[in-house]
Amino acid sequence: MTFTNKQLIGIGVVGFLALWYLKNKTVETVKDVGNAVNPVNPDNVINGWFNEAYQGVTGSEGTLGTDLADYFNGVDG
């Protein structure tokens, strides 16, 4: 099968646009994943898992950090 020059240019443009789109989606996904596991981000995945486990075990509505701060500052919860 042979292609004309116009067809080859069209295939090249479509291929370029597809690769450009995939590159941008990959960068977005990497940023989202990086933010989800970033230890500085209070909404990271591991922090969420830990808070759920802590609240399930202790029955507290706060986090370990807020409960420790309340305890050391003499706040009754």
C-alpha atoms as a PDB file:
ATOM      1  CA  MET A   1       0.000   0.000   0.000  1.00  0.00           C
ATOM      2  CA  THR A   2       1.372   3.379  -0.929  1.00  0.00           C
ATOM      3  CA  PHE A   3       0.422   6.699   0.577  1.00  0.00           C
ATOM      4  CA  THR A   4       0.322  10.100  -1.041  1.00  0.00           C
ATOM      5  CA  ASN A   5       2.254  12.994   0.427  1.00  0.00           C
ATOM      6  CA  LYS A   6      -0.963  14.490   1.844  1.00  0.00           C
ATOM      7  CA  GLN A   7      -1.822  11.212   3.552  1.00  0.00           C
ATOM      8  CA  LEU A   8       1.664  10.921   5.048  1.00  0.00           C
ATOM      9  CA  ILE A   9       1.494  14.499   6.327  1.00  0.00           C
ATOM     10  CA  GLY A  10      -1.951  13.786   7.815  1.00  0.00           C
ATOM     11  CA  ILE A  11      -0.691  10.630   9.521  1.00  0.00           C
ATOM     12  CA  GLY A  12       2.317  12.538  10.843  1.00  0.00           C
ATOM     13  CA  VAL A  13       0.168  15.372  12.221  1.00  0.00           C
ATOM     14  CA  VAL A  14      -2.280  12.960  13.878  1.00  0.00           C
ATOM     15  CA  GLY A  15       0.620  10.955  15.326  1.00  0.00           C
ATOM     16  CA  PHE A  16       2.289  14.104  16.645  1.00  0.00           C
ATOM     17  CA  LEU A  17      -0.938  15.325  18.261  1.00  0.00           C
ATOM     18  CA  ALA A  18      -1.555  11.907  19.849  1.00  0.00           C
ATOM     19  CA  LEU A  19       1.958  11.804  21.299  1.00  0.00           C
ATOM     20  CA  TRP A  20       1.664  15.394  22.554  1.00  0.00           C
ATOM     21  CA  TYR A  21      -1.656  14.568  24.253  1.00  0.00           C
ATOM     22  CA  LEU A  22      -0.237  11.430  25.869  1.00  0.00           C
ATOM     23  CA  LYS A  23       2.825  13.337  27.097  1.00  0.00           C
ATOM     24  CA  ASN A  24       0.633  15.946  28.765  1.00  0.00           C
ATOM     25  CA  LYS A  25      -1.605  13.309  30.364  1.00  0.00           C
ATOM     26  CA  THR A  26       1.471  11.473  31.630  1.00  0.00           C
ATOM     27  CA  VAL A  27       2.849  14.654  33.206  1.00  0.00           C
ATOM     28  CA  GLU A  28      -0.530  15.324  34.882  1.00  0.00           C
ATOM     29  CA  THR A  29      -0.711  11.766  36.191  1.00  0.00           C
ATOM     30  CA  VAL A  30       2.822  11.881  37.562  1.00  0.00           C
ATOM     31  CA  LYS A  31       2.036  15.173  39.331  1.00  0.00           C
ATOM     32  CA  ASP A  32      -1.154  13.712  40.822  1.00  0.00           C
ATOM     33  CA  VAL A  33       0.626  10.588  42.039  1.00  0.00           C
ATOM     34  CA  GLY A  34       3.504  12.653  43.404  1.00  0.00           C
ATOM     35  CA  ASN A  35       1.088  14.873  45.296  1.00  0.00           C
ATOM     36  CA  ALA A  36      -0.780  11.855  46.689  1.00  0.00           C
ATOM     37  CA  VAL A  37       2.368  10.448  48.315  1.00  0.00           C
ATOM     38  CA  ASN A  38       4.079  13.754  49.137  1.00  0.00           C
ATOM     39  CA  PRO A  39       4.847  13.655  52.879  1.00  0.00           C
ATOM     40  CA  VAL A  40       4.391  17.436  53.180  1.00  0.00           C
ATOM     41  CA  ASN A  41       0.851  17.254  51.778  1.00  0.00           C
ATOM     42  CA  PRO A  42      -1.618  16.750  54.663  1.00  0.00           C
ATOM     43  CA  ASP A  43      -4.049  15.049  52.278  1.00  0.00           C
ATOM     44  CA  ASN A  44      -1.585  12.375  51.139  1.00  0.00           C
ATOM     45  CA  VAL A  45      -2.737   8.773  50.876  1.00  0.00           C
ATOM     46  CA  ILE A  46      -0.693   7.352  53.748  1.00  0.00           C
ATOM     47  CA  ASN A  47      -1.822  10.098  56.121  1.00  0.00           C
ATOM     48  CA  GLY A  48      -5.444   9.389  55.214  1.00  0.00           C
ATOM     49  CA  TRP A  49      -5.005   5.660  55.825  1.00  0.00           C
ATOM     50  CA  PHE A  50      -3.291   6.283  59.159  1.00  0.00           C
ATOM     51  CA  ASN A  51      -5.981   8.717  60.322  1.00  0.00           C
ATOM     52  CA  GLU A  52      -8.735   6.249  59.426  1.00  0.00           C
ATOM     53  CA  ALA A  53      -6.978   3.472  61.354  1.00  0.00           C
ATOM     54  CA  TYR A  54      -6.264   5.754  64.330  1.00  0.00           C
ATOM     55  CA  GLN A  55      -9.843   6.973  64.500  1.00  0.00           C
ATOM     56  CA  GLY A  56     -11.171   3.427  64.157  1.00  0.00           C
ATOM     57  CA  VAL A  57      -8.991   2.122  66.990  1.00  0.00           C
ATOM     58  CA  THR A  58      -9.389   5.040  69.411  1.00  0.00           C
ATOM     59  CA  GLY A  59     -12.882   6.268  68.532  1.00  0.00           C
ATOM     60  CA  SER A  60     -11.470   9.791  68.334  1.00  0.00           C
ATOM     61  CA  GLU A  61     -12.761  12.282  65.798  1.00  0.00           C
ATOM     62  CA  GLY A  62      -9.383  14.025  65.606  1.00  0.00           C
ATOM     63  CA  THR A  63      -5.983  12.973  64.368  1.00  0.00           C
ATOM     64  CA  LEU A  64      -3.051  11.755  66.413  1.00  0.00           C
ATOM     65  CA  GLY A  65      -1.488  15.208  66.172  1.00  0.00           C
ATOM     66  CA  THR A  66      -4.581  17.087  67.326  1.00  0.00           C
ATOM     67  CA  ASP A  67      -5.172  14.624  70.159  1.00  0.00           C
ATOM     68  CA  LEU A  68      -1.561  14.926  71.348  1.00  0.00           C
ATOM     69  CA  ALA A  69      -1.745  18.724  71.189  1.00  0.00           C
ATOM     70  CA  ASP A  70      -4.959  18.678  73.215  1.00  0.00           C
ATOM     71  CA  TYR A  71      -3.430  16.287  75.753  1.00  0.00           C
ATOM     72  CA  PHE A  72      -0.238  18.283  76.267  1.00  0.00           C
ATOM     73  CA  ASN A  73      -2.097  21.605  76.402  1.00  0.00           C
ATOM     74  CA  GLY A  74      -4.626  20.294  78.917  1.00  0.00           C
ATOM     75  CA  VAL A  75      -7.658  20.545  76.625  1.00  0.00           C
ATOM     76  CA  ASP A  76     -10.437  18.100  77.504  1.00  0.00           C
ATOM     77  CA  GLY A  77     -11.953  16.504  74.413  1.00  0.00           C
END
